[in-house]
PDB file of all heavy atoms in Angstrom:
ATOM      1  N   PHE A   1       0.784  -1.169  -0.026  1.00  0.00           N
ATOM      2  CA  PHE A   1      -0.055  -0.019  -0.019  1.00  0.00           C
ATOM      3  C   PHE A   1       0.878   1.263   0.005  1.00  0.00           C
ATOM      4  O   PHE A   1       2.124   1.124   0.283  1.00  0.00           O
ATOM      5  CB  PHE A   1      -0.951   0.007   1.213  1.00  0.00           C
ATOM      6  CG  PHE A   1      -1.787  -1.221   1.227  1.00  0.00           C
ATOM      7  CD1 PHE A   1      -1.456  -2.262   2.117  1.00  0.00           C
ATOM      8  CD2 PHE A   1      -2.983  -1.344   0.530  1.00  0.00           C
ATOM      9  CE1 PHE A   1      -2.277  -3.351   2.194  1.00  0.00           C
ATOM     10  CE2 PHE A   1      -3.805  -2.375   0.618  1.00  0.00           C
ATOM     11  CZ  PHE A   1      -3.458  -3.453   1.481  1.00  0.00           C
ATOM     12  N   GLY A   2       0.257   2.334  -0.285  1.00  0.00           N
ATOM     13  CA  GLY A   2       0.982   3.662  -0.255  1.00  0.00           C
ATOM     14  C   GLY A   2      -0.020   4.805   0.025  1.00  0.00           C
ATOM     15  O   GLY A   2      -1.263   4.690  -0.263  1.00  0.00           O
ATOM     16  N   LEU A   3       0.492   5.820   0.604  1.00  0.00           N
ATOM     17  CA  LEU A   3      -0.321   6.994   0.952  1.00  0.00           C
ATOM     18  C   LEU A   3       0.282   8.252   0.508  1.00  0.00           C
ATOM     19  O   LEU A   3       1.448   8.532   0.829  1.00  0.00           O
ATOM     20  CB  LEU A   3      -0.651   6.959   2.404  1.00  0.00           C
ATOM     21  CG  LEU A   3      -1.530   8.163   2.952  1.00  0.00           C
ATOM     22  CD1 LEU A   3      -2.946   7.942   2.577  1.00  0.00           C
ATOM     23  CD2 LEU A   3      -1.395   8.232   4.439  1.00  0.00           C
ATOM     24  N   GLU A   4      -0.499   9.118  -0.135  1.00  0.00           N
ATOM     25  CA  GLU A   4       0.000  10.499  -0.396  1.00  0.00           C
ATOM     26  C   GLU A   4      -0.725  11.349   0.686  1.00  0.00           C
ATOM     27  O   GLU A   4      -1.905  11.387   0.802  1.00  0.00           O
ATOM     28  CB  GLU A   4      -0.404  11.013  -1.750  1.00  0.00           C
ATOM     29  CG  GLU A   4      -0.019  12.359  -2.016  1.00  0.00           C
ATOM     30  CD  GLU A   4      -0.752  13.009  -3.281  1.00  0.00           C
ATOM     31  OE1 GLU A   4      -1.418  12.226  -3.973  1.00  0.00           O
ATOM     32  OE2 GLU A   4      -0.412  14.191  -3.506  1.00  0.00           O
ATOM     33  N   ALA A   5       0.070  12.075   1.453  1.00  0.00           N
ATOM     34  CA  ALA A   5      -0.515  12.915   2.589  1.00  0.00           C
ATOM     35  C   ALA A   5       0.296  14.085   2.738  1.00  0.00           C
ATOM     36  O   ALA A   5       1.547  14.064   2.509  1.00  0.00           O
ATOM     37  CB  ALA A   5      -0.667  12.075   3.895  1.00  0.00           C
ATOM     38  N   LEU A   6      -0.317  15.150   3.241  1.00  0.00           N
ATOM     39  CA  LEU A   6       0.421  16.457   3.497  1.00  0.00           C
ATOM     40  C   LEU A   6      -0.171  16.922   4.782  1.00  0.00           C
ATOM     41  O   LEU A   6      -1.333  16.840   5.085  1.00  0.00           O
ATOM     42  CB  LEU A   6       0.192  17.484   2.417  1.00  0.00           C
ATOM     43  CG  LEU A   6       0.729  17.116   1.002  1.00  0.00           C
ATOM     44  CD1 LEU A   6       0.177  18.153   0.010  1.00  0.00           C
ATOM     45  CD2 LEU A   6       2.232  17.128   0.988  1.00  0.00           C
ATOM     46  N   ASP A   7       0.621  17.493   5.624  1.00  0.00           N
ATOM     47  CA  ASP A   7       0.198  18.226   6.854  1.00  0.00           C
ATOM     48  C   ASP A   7       0.122  19.764   6.621  1.00  0.00           C
ATOM     49  O   ASP A   7       0.811  20.236   5.631  1.00  0.00           O
ATOM     50  CB  ASP A   7       1.176  18.034   8.009  1.00  0.00           C
ATOM     51  CG  ASP A   7       0.559  18.476   9.311  1.00  0.00           C
ATOM     52  OD1 ASP A   7      -0.627  18.377   9.488  1.00  0.00           O
ATOM     53  OD2 ASP A   7       1.388  18.983  10.150  1.00  0.00           O
ATOM     54  N   THR A   8      -0.796  20.401   7.228  1.00  0.00           N
ATOM     55  CA  THR A   8      -1.022  21.808   7.115  1.00  0.00           C
ATOM     56  C   THR A   8      -1.050  22.494   8.470  1.00  0.00           C
ATOM     57  O   THR A   8      -1.310  21.867   9.458  1.00  0.00           O
ATOM     58  CB  THR A   8      -2.341  22.130   6.382  1.00  0.00           C
ATOM     59  OG1 THR A   8      -3.388  21.526   7.123  1.00  0.00           O
ATOM     60  CG2 THR A   8      -2.295  21.486   4.963  1.00  0.00           C
ATOM     61  N   ILE A   9      -0.866  23.719   8.421  1.00  0.00           N
ATOM     62  CA  ILE A   9      -0.973  24.637   9.638  1.00  0.00           C
ATOM     63  C   ILE A   9      -1.821  25.765   9.317  1.00  0.00           C
ATOM     64  O   ILE A   9      -1.709  26.403   8.258  1.00  0.00           O
ATOM     65  CB  ILE A   9       0.372  25.140  10.158  1.00  0.00           C
ATOM     66  CG1 ILE A   9       1.242  23.918  10.676  1.00  0.00           C
ATOM     67  CG2 ILE A   9       0.299  26.175  11.269  1.00  0.00           C
ATOM     68  CD1 ILE A   9       2.608  24.290  11.107  1.00  0.00           C
ATOM     69  N   GLU A  10      -2.723  26.153  10.200  1.00  0.00           N
ATOM     70  CA  GLU A  10      -3.733  27.163   9.988  1.00  0.00           C
ATOM     71  C   GLU A  10      -3.017  28.461   9.591  1.00  0.00           C
ATOM     72  O   GLU A  10      -2.078  28.935  10.164  1.00  0.00           O
ATOM     73  CB  GLU A  10      -4.599  27.318  11.271  1.00  0.00           C
ATOM     74  CG  GLU A  10      -5.785  28.278  11.052  1.00  0.00           C
ATOM     75  CD  GLU A  10      -6.634  28.244  12.286  1.00  0.00           C
ATOM     76  OE1 GLU A  10      -6.185  27.824  13.335  1.00  0.00           O
ATOM     77  OE2 GLU A  10      -7.816  28.683  12.154  1.00  0.00           O
ATOM     78  N   ASN A  11      -3.623  29.138   8.502  1.00  0.00           N
ATOM     79  CA  ASN A  11      -3.262  30.379   8.055  1.00  0.00           C
ATOM     80  C   ASN A  11      -1.766  30.431   7.431  1.00  0.00           C
ATOM     81  O   ASN A  11      -1.217  31.580   7.222  1.00  0.00           O
ATOM     82  CB  ASN A  11      -3.334  31.476   9.119  1.00  0.00           C
ATOM     83  CG  ASN A  11      -4.730  31.685   9.687  1.00  0.00           C
ATOM     84  OD1 ASN A  11      -5.713  31.624   8.846  1.00  0.00           O
ATOM     85  ND2 ASN A  11      -4.836  31.815  10.930  1.00  0.00           N
ATOM     86  N   LEU A  12      -1.217  29.338   7.196  1.00  0.00           N
ATOM     87  CA  LEU A  12       0.106  29.238   6.550  1.00  0.00           C
ATOM     88  C   LEU A  12       0.027  28.504   5.159  1.00  0.00           C
ATOM     89  O   LEU A  12      -0.600  27.451   5.135  1.00  0.00           O
ATOM     90  CB  LEU A  12       1.161  28.535   7.364  1.00  0.00           C
ATOM     91  CG  LEU A  12       1.537  29.306   8.629  1.00  0.00           C
ATOM     92  CD1 LEU A  12       2.547  28.543   9.451  1.00  0.00           C
ATOM     93  CD2 LEU A  12       2.043  30.667   8.377  1.00  0.00           C
ATOM     94  N   PRO A  13       0.565  29.014   4.054  1.00  0.00           N
ATOM     95  CA  PRO A  13       0.452  28.467   2.784  1.00  0.00           C
ATOM     96  C   PRO A  13       1.331  27.411   2.449  1.00  0.00           C
ATOM     97  O   PRO A  13       1.972  27.376   1.333  1.00  0.00           O
ATOM     98  CB  PRO A  13       0.542  29.727   1.783  1.00  0.00           C
ATOM     99  CG  PRO A  13       1.622  30.553   2.574  1.00  0.00           C
ATOM    100  CD  PRO A  13       1.330  30.345   4.111  1.00  0.00           C
ATOM    101  N   PHE A  14       1.719  26.610   3.403  1.00  0.00           N
ATOM    102  CA  PHE A  14       2.781  25.501   3.261  1.00  0.00           C
ATOM    103  C   PHE A  14       2.283  24.115   3.503  1.00  0.00           C
ATOM    104  O   PHE A  14       1.244  23.967   4.236  1.00  0.00           O
ATOM    105  CB  PHE A  14       4.038  25.865   4.125  1.00  0.00           C
ATOM    106  CG  PHE A  14       4.555  27.173   3.901  1.00  0.00           C
ATOM    107  CD1 PHE A  14       4.280  28.211   4.846  1.00  0.00           C
ATOM    108  CD2 PHE A  14       5.353  27.561   2.897  1.00  0.00           C
ATOM    109  CE1 PHE A  14       4.735  29.492   4.804  1.00  0.00           C
ATOM    110  CE2 PHE A  14       5.913  28.846   2.688  1.00  0.00           C
ATOM    111  CZ  PHE A  14       5.503  29.810   3.684  1.00  0.00           C
ATOM    112  N   HIS A  15       2.970  23.174   3.060  1.00  0.00           N
ATOM    113  CA  HIS A  15       2.709  21.754   3.315  1.00  0.00           C
ATOM    114  C   HIS A  15       3.881  21.143   4.029  1.00  0.00           C
ATOM    115  O   HIS A  15       4.992  21.512   3.778  1.00  0.00           O
ATOM    116  CB  HIS A  15       2.394  20.907   2.034  1.00  0.00           C
ATOM    117  CG  HIS A  15       1.132  21.371   1.420  1.00  0.00           C
ATOM    118  ND1 HIS A  15       1.008  21.465  -0.039  1.00  0.00           N
ATOM    119  CD2 HIS A  15      -0.049  21.791   1.861  1.00  0.00           C
ATOM    120  CE1 HIS A  15      -0.225  21.849  -0.396  1.00  0.00           C
ATOM    121  NE2 HIS A  15      -0.918  22.085   0.754  1.00  0.00           N
ATOM    122  N   TYR A  16       3.571  20.285   5.031  1.00  0.00           N
ATOM    123  CA  TYR A  16       4.580  19.701   5.856  1.00  0.00           C
ATOM    124  C   TYR A  16       4.607  18.200   5.849  1.00  0.00           C
ATOM    125  O   TYR A  16       3.560  17.604   5.233  1.00  0.00           O
ATOM    126  CB  TYR A  16       4.448  20.167   7.297  1.00  0.00           C
ATOM    127  CG  TYR A  16       4.246  21.703   7.351  1.00  0.00           C
ATOM    128  CD1 TYR A  16       2.924  22.273   7.348  1.00  0.00           C
ATOM    129  CD2 TYR A  16       5.306  22.583   7.392  1.00  0.00           C
ATOM    130  CE1 TYR A  16       2.842  23.643   7.385  1.00  0.00           C
ATOM    131  CE2 TYR A  16       5.149  23.923   7.370  1.00  0.00           C
ATOM    132  CZ  TYR A  16       3.944  24.517   7.446  1.00  0.00           C
ATOM    133  OH  TYR A  16       3.771  25.803   7.518  1.00  0.00           O
ATOM    134  N   GLY A  17       5.494  17.568   6.419  1.00  0.00           N
ATOM    135  CA  GLY A  17       5.614  16.102   6.524  1.00  0.00           C
ATOM    136  C   GLY A  17       4.745  15.512   7.748  1.00  0.00           C
ATOM    137  O   GLY A  17       4.504  16.297   8.651  1.00  0.00           O
ATOM    138  N   LEU A  18       4.430  14.209   7.691  1.00  0.00           N
ATOM    139  CA  LEU A  18       3.850  13.593   8.793  1.00  0.00           C
ATOM    140  C   LEU A  18       4.884  13.347   9.890  1.00  0.00           C
ATOM    141  O   LEU A  18       6.100  13.206   9.615  1.00  0.00           O
ATOM    142  CB  LEU A  18       3.177  12.228   8.353  1.00  0.00           C
ATOM    143  CG  LEU A  18       2.068  12.335   7.300  1.00  0.00           C
ATOM    144  CD1 LEU A  18       1.688  10.953   6.949  1.00  0.00           C
ATOM    145  CD2 LEU A  18       0.890  13.162   7.818  1.00  0.00           C
ATOM    146  N   TYR A  19       4.385  13.180  11.179  1.00  0.00           N
ATOM    147  CA  TYR A  19       5.270  12.809  12.247  1.00  0.00           C
ATOM    148  C   TYR A  19       5.043  11.339  12.510  1.00  0.00           C
ATOM    149  O   TYR A  19       6.138  10.629  12.729  1.00  0.00           O
ATOM    150  CB  TYR A  19       4.865  13.548  13.504  1.00  0.00           C
ATOM    151  CG  TYR A  19       5.565  13.156  14.700  1.00  0.00           C
ATOM    152  CD1 TYR A  19       7.003  13.158  14.813  1.00  0.00           C
ATOM    153  CD2 TYR A  19       4.866  12.800  15.845  1.00  0.00           C
ATOM    154  CE1 TYR A  19       7.673  12.888  16.018  1.00  0.00           C
ATOM    155  CE2 TYR A  19       5.537  12.445  17.068  1.00  0.00           C
ATOM    156  CZ  TYR A  19       6.894  12.436  17.074  1.00  0.00           C
ATOM    157  OH  TYR A  19       7.560  12.065  18.247  1.00  0.00           O
ATOM    158  N   GLU A  20       3.899  10.797  12.324  1.00  0.00           N
ATOM    159  CA  GLU A  20       3.640   9.404  12.503  1.00  0.00           C
ATOM    160  C   GLU A  20       2.767   8.926  11.443  1.00  0.00           C
ATOM    161  O   GLU A  20       1.879   9.579  11.009  1.00  0.00           O
ATOM    162  CB  GLU A  20       2.954   9.122  13.900  1.00  0.00           C
ATOM    163  CG  GLU A  20       3.900   9.373  15.079  1.00  0.00           C
ATOM    164  CD  GLU A  20       3.036   9.106  16.369  1.00  0.00           C
ATOM    165  OE1 GLU A  20       2.395   9.932  16.916  1.00  0.00           O
ATOM    166  OE2 GLU A  20       3.207   7.968  16.919  1.00  0.00           O
ATOM    167  N   LEU A  21       2.916   7.648  10.997  1.00  0.00           N
ATOM    168  CA  LEU A  21       2.201   7.051  10.046  1.00  0.00           C
ATOM    169  C   LEU A  21       2.031   5.565  10.216  1.00  0.00           C
ATOM    170  O   LEU A  21       3.080   4.846  10.617  1.00  0.00           O
ATOM    171  CB  LEU A  21       2.800   7.163   8.604  1.00  0.00           C
ATOM    172  CG  LEU A  21       2.188   6.507   7.499  1.00  0.00           C
ATOM    173  CD1 LEU A  21       0.789   7.018   7.165  1.00  0.00           C
ATOM    174  CD2 LEU A  21       2.976   6.696   6.146  1.00  0.00           C
ATOM    175  N   ALA A  22       0.869   4.926  10.158  1.00  0.00           N
ATOM    176  CA  ALA A  22       0.630   3.535  10.405  1.00  0.00           C
ATOM    177  C   ALA A  22      -0.317   2.986   9.316  1.00  0.00           C
ATOM    178  O   ALA A  22      -1.266   3.586   8.924  1.00  0.00           O
ATOM    179  CB  ALA A  22       0.012   3.392  11.849  1.00  0.00           C
ATOM    180  N   PHE A  23       0.135   1.779   8.853  1.00  0.00           N
ATOM    181  CA  PHE A  23      -0.626   0.946   8.008  1.00  0.00           C
ATOM    182  C   PHE A  23      -1.070  -0.286   8.688  1.00  0.00           C
ATOM    183  O   PHE A  23      -0.176  -0.942   9.292  1.00  0.00           O
ATOM    184  CB  PHE A  23       0.067   0.533   6.707  1.00  0.00           C
ATOM    185  CG  PHE A  23       0.428   1.687   5.744  1.00  0.00           C
ATOM    186  CD1 PHE A  23       1.492   2.521   5.975  1.00  0.00           C
ATOM    187  CD2 PHE A  23      -0.341   1.929   4.663  1.00  0.00           C
ATOM    188  CE1 PHE A  23       1.905   3.450   5.084  1.00  0.00           C
ATOM    189  CE2 PHE A  23       0.006   2.959   3.769  1.00  0.00           C
ATOM    190  CZ  PHE A  23       1.182   3.702   4.044  1.00  0.00           C
ATOM    191  N   MET A  24      -2.325  -0.576   8.892  1.00  0.00           N
ATOM    192  CA  MET A  24      -2.860  -1.730   9.602  1.00  0.00           C
ATOM    193  C   MET A  24      -3.817  -2.567   8.888  1.00  0.00           C
ATOM    194  O   MET A  24      -4.551  -2.086   8.030  1.00  0.00           O
ATOM    195  CB  MET A  24      -3.438  -1.204  10.958  1.00  0.00           C
ATOM    196  CG  MET A  24      -2.548  -0.361  11.861  1.00  0.00           C
ATOM    197  SD  MET A  24      -3.461   0.070  13.364  1.00  0.00           S
ATOM    198  CE  MET A  24      -3.592  -1.438  14.174  1.00  0.00           C
ATOM    199  N   ILE A  25      -3.714  -3.919   9.123  1.00  0.00           N
ATOM    200  CA  ILE A  25      -4.723  -4.796   8.728  1.00  0.00           C
ATOM    201  C   ILE A  25      -5.425  -5.462   9.873  1.00  0.00           C
ATOM    202  O   ILE A  25      -4.706  -6.208  10.581  1.00  0.00           O
ATOM    203  CB  ILE A  25      -4.131  -5.908   7.707  1.00  0.00           C
ATOM    204  CG1 ILE A  25      -3.534  -5.280   6.407  1.00  0.00           C
ATOM    205  CG2 ILE A  25      -5.139  -6.961   7.374  1.00  0.00           C
ATOM    206  CD1 ILE A  25      -4.567  -4.637   5.517  1.00  0.00           C
ATOM    207  N   ASP A  26      -6.631  -5.214  10.018  1.00  0.00           N
ATOM    208  CA  ASP A  26      -7.310  -5.638  11.303  1.00  0.00           C
ATOM    209  C   ASP A  26      -6.525  -5.178  12.516  1.00  0.00           C
ATOM    210  O   ASP A  26      -6.274  -3.960  12.578  1.00  0.00           O
ATOM    211  CB  ASP A  26      -7.568  -7.108  11.303  1.00  0.00           C
ATOM    212  CG  ASP A  26      -8.541  -7.591  10.152  1.00  0.00           C
ATOM    213  OD1 ASP A  26      -9.320  -6.724   9.753  1.00  0.00           O
ATOM    214  OD2 ASP A  26      -8.361  -8.702   9.769  1.00  0.00           O
ATOM    215  N   LYS A  27      -5.991  -6.008  13.334  1.00  0.00           N
ATOM    216  CA  LYS A  27      -5.232  -5.600  14.468  1.00  0.00           C
ATOM    217  C   LYS A  27      -3.729  -5.730  14.307  1.00  0.00           C
ATOM    218  O   LYS A  27      -2.938  -5.416  15.191  1.00  0.00           O
ATOM    219  CB  LYS A  27      -5.630  -6.468  15.701  1.00  0.00           C
ATOM    220  CG  LYS A  27      -7.127  -6.205  16.115  1.00  0.00           C
ATOM    221  CD  LYS A  27      -7.451  -7.136  17.391  1.00  0.00           C
ATOM    222  CE  LYS A  27      -8.837  -6.971  17.838  1.00  0.00           C
ATOM    223  NZ  LYS A  27      -9.237  -7.694  18.990  1.00  0.00           N
ATOM    224  N   ASP A  28      -3.353  -6.031  13.083  1.00  0.00           N
ATOM    225  CA  ASP A  28      -1.916  -6.120  12.811  1.00  0.00           C
ATOM    226  C   ASP A  28      -1.324  -4.889  12.168  1.00  0.00           C
ATOM    227  O   ASP A  28      -1.968  -4.395  11.282  1.00  0.00           O
ATOM    228  CB  ASP A  28      -1.692  -7.318  11.898  1.00  0.00           C
ATOM    229  CG  ASP A  28      -1.896  -8.685  12.526  1.00  0.00           C
ATOM    230  OD1 ASP A  28      -1.682  -8.794  13.762  1.00  0.00           O
ATOM    231  OD2 ASP A  28      -2.255  -9.613  11.859  1.00  0.00           O
ATOM    232  N   THR A  29      -0.223  -4.472  12.627  1.00  0.00           N
ATOM    233  CA  THR A  29       0.416  -3.278  12.052  1.00  0.00           C
ATOM    234  C   THR A  29       1.409  -3.737  11.035  1.00  0.00           C
ATOM    235  O   THR A  29       2.375  -4.468  11.329  1.00  0.00           O
ATOM    236  CB  THR A  29       1.091  -2.475  13.159  1.00  0.00           C
ATOM    237  OG1 THR A  29       0.189  -2.068  14.192  1.00  0.00           O
ATOM    238  CG2 THR A  29       1.810  -1.244  12.586  1.00  0.00           C
ATOM    239  N   LEU A  30       1.155  -3.327   9.822  1.00  0.00           N
ATOM    240  CA  LEU A  30       2.097  -3.644   8.693  1.00  0.00           C
ATOM    241  C   LEU A  30       3.298  -2.840   8.801  1.00  0.00           C
ATOM    242  O   LEU A  30       4.411  -3.305   8.541  1.00  0.00           O
ATOM    243  CB  LEU A  30       1.443  -3.513   7.366  1.00  0.00           C
ATOM    244  CG  LEU A  30       0.228  -4.373   6.974  1.00  0.00           C
ATOM    245  CD1 LEU A  30      -0.230  -4.125   5.575  1.00  0.00           C
ATOM    246  CD2 LEU A  30       0.663  -5.916   7.166  1.00  0.00           C
ATOM    247  N   ALA A  31       3.167  -1.472   8.906  1.00  0.00           N
ATOM    248  CA  ALA A  31       4.275  -0.533   8.986  1.00  0.00           C
ATOM    249  C   ALA A  31       3.889   0.641   9.841  1.00  0.00           C
ATOM    250  O   ALA A  31       2.753   1.077   9.844  1.00  0.00           O
ATOM    251  CB  ALA A  31       4.569  -0.142   7.523  1.00  0.00           C
ATOM    252  N   TYR A  32       4.933   1.080  10.622  1.00  0.00           N
ATOM    253  CA  TYR A  32       4.589   2.220  11.488  1.00  0.00           C
ATOM    254  C   TYR A  32       5.970   3.006  11.604  1.00  0.00           C
ATOM    255  O   TYR A  32       7.071   2.399  11.850  1.00  0.00           O
ATOM    256  CB  TYR A  32       4.203   1.784  12.840  1.00  0.00           C
ATOM    257  CG  TYR A  32       4.180   2.906  13.876  1.00  0.00           C
ATOM    258  CD1 TYR A  32       3.253   3.876  13.864  1.00  0.00           C
ATOM    259  CD2 TYR A  32       5.244   2.940  14.783  1.00  0.00           C
ATOM    260  CE1 TYR A  32       3.336   4.979  14.849  1.00  0.00           C
ATOM    261  CE2 TYR A  32       5.257   3.929  15.802  1.00  0.00           C
ATOM    262  CZ  TYR A  32       4.329   4.981  15.763  1.00  0.00           C
ATOM    263  OH  TYR A  32       4.401   5.895  16.690  1.00  0.00           O
ATOM    264  N   TYR A  33       5.903   4.319  11.511  1.00  0.00           N
ATOM    265  CA  TYR A  33       7.061   5.164  11.812  1.00  0.00           C
ATOM    266  C   TYR A  33       6.644   6.381  12.704  1.00  0.00           C
ATOM    267  O   TYR A  33       5.516   6.758  12.740  1.00  0.00           O
ATOM    268  CB  TYR A  33       7.890   5.707  10.618  1.00  0.00           C
ATOM    269  CG  TYR A  33       7.144   6.744   9.697  1.00  0.00           C
ATOM    270  CD1 TYR A  33       6.699   7.929  10.264  1.00  0.00           C
ATOM    271  CD2 TYR A  33       6.962   6.544   8.412  1.00  0.00           C
ATOM    272  CE1 TYR A  33       6.193   8.900   9.419  1.00  0.00           C
ATOM    273  CE2 TYR A  33       6.464   7.507   7.580  1.00  0.00           C
ATOM    274  CZ  TYR A  33       6.009   8.745   8.070  1.00  0.00           C
ATOM    275  OH  TYR A  33       5.566   9.679   7.305  1.00  0.00           O
ATOM    276  N   ARG A  34       7.704   6.780  13.447  1.00  0.00           N
ATOM    277  CA  ARG A  34       7.538   7.996  14.290  1.00  0.00           C
ATOM    278  C   ARG A  34       8.851   8.666  14.134  1.00  0.00           C
ATOM    279  O   ARG A  34       9.902   8.206  14.519  1.00  0.00           O
ATOM    280  CB  ARG A  34       7.254   7.676  15.718  1.00  0.00           C
ATOM    281  CG  ARG A  34       7.312   8.855  16.626  1.00  0.00           C
ATOM    282  CD  ARG A  34       6.885   8.435  18.008  1.00  0.00           C
ATOM    283  NE  ARG A  34       7.342   9.330  19.073  1.00  0.00           N
ATOM    284  CZ  ARG A  34       7.018   9.340  20.286  1.00  0.00           C
ATOM    285  NH1 ARG A  34       5.999   8.471  20.670  1.00  0.00           N
ATOM    286  NH2 ARG A  34       7.495  10.214  21.210  1.00  0.00           N
ATOM    287  N   LEU A  35       8.885   9.874  13.473  1.00  0.00           N
ATOM    288  CA  LEU A  35      10.059  10.525  12.999  1.00  0.00           C
ATOM    289  C   LEU A  35      10.643  11.450  14.127  1.00  0.00           C
ATOM    290  O   LEU A  35      10.486  12.702  13.985  1.00  0.00           O
ATOM    291  CB  LEU A  35       9.816  11.336  11.828  1.00  0.00           C
ATOM    292  CG  LEU A  35       9.463  10.451  10.594  1.00  0.00           C
ATOM    293  CD1 LEU A  35       8.998  11.274   9.320  1.00  0.00           C
ATOM    294  CD2 LEU A  35      10.547   9.488  10.207  1.00  0.00           C
ATOM    295  N   ASP A  36      11.255  10.806  15.122  1.00  0.00           N
ATOM    296  CA  ASP A  36      11.996  11.550  16.099  1.00  0.00           C
ATOM    297  C   ASP A  36      13.382  11.916  15.646  1.00  0.00           C
ATOM    298  O   ASP A  36      14.061  12.854  16.118  1.00  0.00           O
ATOM    299  CB  ASP A  36      12.054  10.749  17.405  1.00  0.00           C
ATOM    300  CG  ASP A  36      10.723  10.747  18.066  1.00  0.00           C
ATOM    301  OD1 ASP A  36       9.874  11.693  17.994  1.00  0.00           O
ATOM    302  OD2 ASP A  36      10.427   9.703  18.770  1.00  0.00           O
ATOM    303  N   SER A  37      14.036  11.040  14.828  1.00  0.00           N
ATOM    304  CA  SER A  37      15.387  11.155  14.354  1.00  0.00           C
ATOM    305  C   SER A  37      15.562  10.432  13.092  1.00  0.00           C
ATOM    306  O   SER A  37      14.830   9.503  12.718  1.00  0.00           O
ATOM    307  CB  SER A  37      16.337  10.739  15.483  1.00  0.00           C
ATOM    308  OG  SER A  37      16.301   9.347  15.713  1.00  0.00           O
ATOM    309  N   ILE A  38      16.687  10.699  12.435  1.00  0.00           N
ATOM    310  CA  ILE A  38      17.056  10.045  11.195  1.00  0.00           C
ATOM    311  C   ILE A  38      18.535  10.203  11.065  1.00  0.00           C
ATOM    312  O   ILE A  38      19.071  11.307  11.303  1.00  0.00           O
ATOM    313  CB  ILE A  38      16.233  10.521   9.983  1.00  0.00           C
ATOM    314  CG1 ILE A  38      16.545   9.681   8.782  1.00  0.00           C
ATOM    315  CG2 ILE A  38      16.552  11.979   9.709  1.00  0.00           C
ATOM    316  CD1 ILE A  38      15.685  10.002   7.536  1.00  0.00           C
ATOM    317  N   SER A  39      19.265   9.176  10.663  1.00  0.00           N
ATOM    318  CA  SER A  39      20.651   9.331  10.546  1.00  0.00           C
ATOM    319  C   SER A  39      21.057  10.155   9.319  1.00  0.00           C
ATOM    320  O   SER A  39      20.260  10.241   8.304  1.00  0.00           O
ATOM    321  CB  SER A  39      21.315   8.007  10.359  1.00  0.00           C
ATOM    322  OG  SER A  39      21.147   7.368   9.183  1.00  0.00           O
ATOM    323  N   VAL A  40      22.157  10.969   9.424  1.00  0.00           N
ATOM    324  CA  VAL A  40      22.549  11.803   8.325  1.00  0.00           C
ATOM    325  C   VAL A  40      22.765  11.022   7.080  1.00  0.00           C
ATOM    326  O   VAL A  40      22.321  11.411   5.966  1.00  0.00           O
ATOM    327  CB  VAL A  40      23.785  12.583   8.722  1.00  0.00           C
ATOM    328  CG1 VAL A  40      24.347  13.342   7.512  1.00  0.00           C
ATOM    329  CG2 VAL A  40      23.545  13.522   9.914  1.00  0.00           C
TER     330      VAL A  40
END
């Protein structure tokens, strides 16, 4: 699966990235991230 998504902030004309994203089938999590850090 794949998702196109954008975050927004009120009164600002920009788009941002997600902080958390989860794909689930029933109670199973296929994929999940939380972007606290990323290696250079």
